[in-house]
């Protein structure tokens, strides 16, 4: 797994939301904070 260094931009990625819609990090470009949560126990 690649590490992201402190004070650098996060790499672009895309995931599906609960409704199957593709959501990417670039969808939130220009916003100050983005919180990403990975729940490995949820299916």
Protein backbone atom coordinates (compact mmCIF):
# COMPACT_ATOMS: atom_id res chain seq x y z
CA UNK A 1 0.00 0.00 0.00
CA UNK A 2 1.36 3.41 -0.97
CA UNK A 3 1.77 6.00 1.75
CA UNK A 4 0.86 9.66 1.38
CA UNK A 5 3.41 12.03 2.86
CA UNK A 6 2.31 14.83 5.19
CA UNK A 7 1.42 18.12 3.44
CA UNK A 8 0.97 16.54 0.00
CA UNK A 9 -2.16 16.13 -2.08
CA UNK A 10 -4.02 12.85 -1.85
CA UNK A 11 -3.92 10.69 -4.99
CA UNK A 12 -7.03 10.61 -7.19
CA UNK A 13 -9.37 7.69 -6.49
CA UNK A 14 -12.99 6.70 -7.03
CA UNK A 15 -15.33 4.45 -5.03
CA UNK A 16 -18.99 3.50 -5.14
CA UNK A 17 -21.33 4.98 -2.55
CA UNK A 18 -24.12 2.97 -0.87
CA UNK A 19 -26.36 3.52 -3.91
CA UNK A 20 -23.77 2.29 -6.42
CA UNK A 21 -22.97 5.81 -7.67
CA UNK A 22 -19.32 6.38 -8.52
CA UNK A 23 -17.81 9.16 -6.37
CA UNK A 24 -14.27 10.44 -6.89
CA UNK A 25 -11.98 12.67 -4.88
CA UNK A 26 -11.99 15.22 -7.69
CA UNK A 27 -15.75 15.67 -7.15
CA UNK A 28 -14.76 17.59 -4.00
CA UNK A 29 -11.99 19.69 -5.56
CA UNK A 30 -11.77 23.16 -4.05
CA UNK A 31 -13.26 22.18 -0.72
CA UNK A 32 -11.10 22.65 2.33
CA UNK A 33 -11.66 19.28 4.06
CA UNK A 34 -12.74 15.86 2.84
CA UNK A 35 -13.26 12.94 5.20
CA UNK A 36 -13.05 9.43 3.77
CA UNK A 37 -14.15 6.46 5.88
CA UNK A 38 -13.58 2.84 4.92
CA UNK A 39 -15.82 0.46 6.83
CA UNK A 40 -14.41 -2.99 6.16
CA UNK A 41 -17.10 -4.76 8.18
CA UNK A 42 -20.06 -3.44 6.17
CA UNK A 43 -21.36 -5.53 3.27
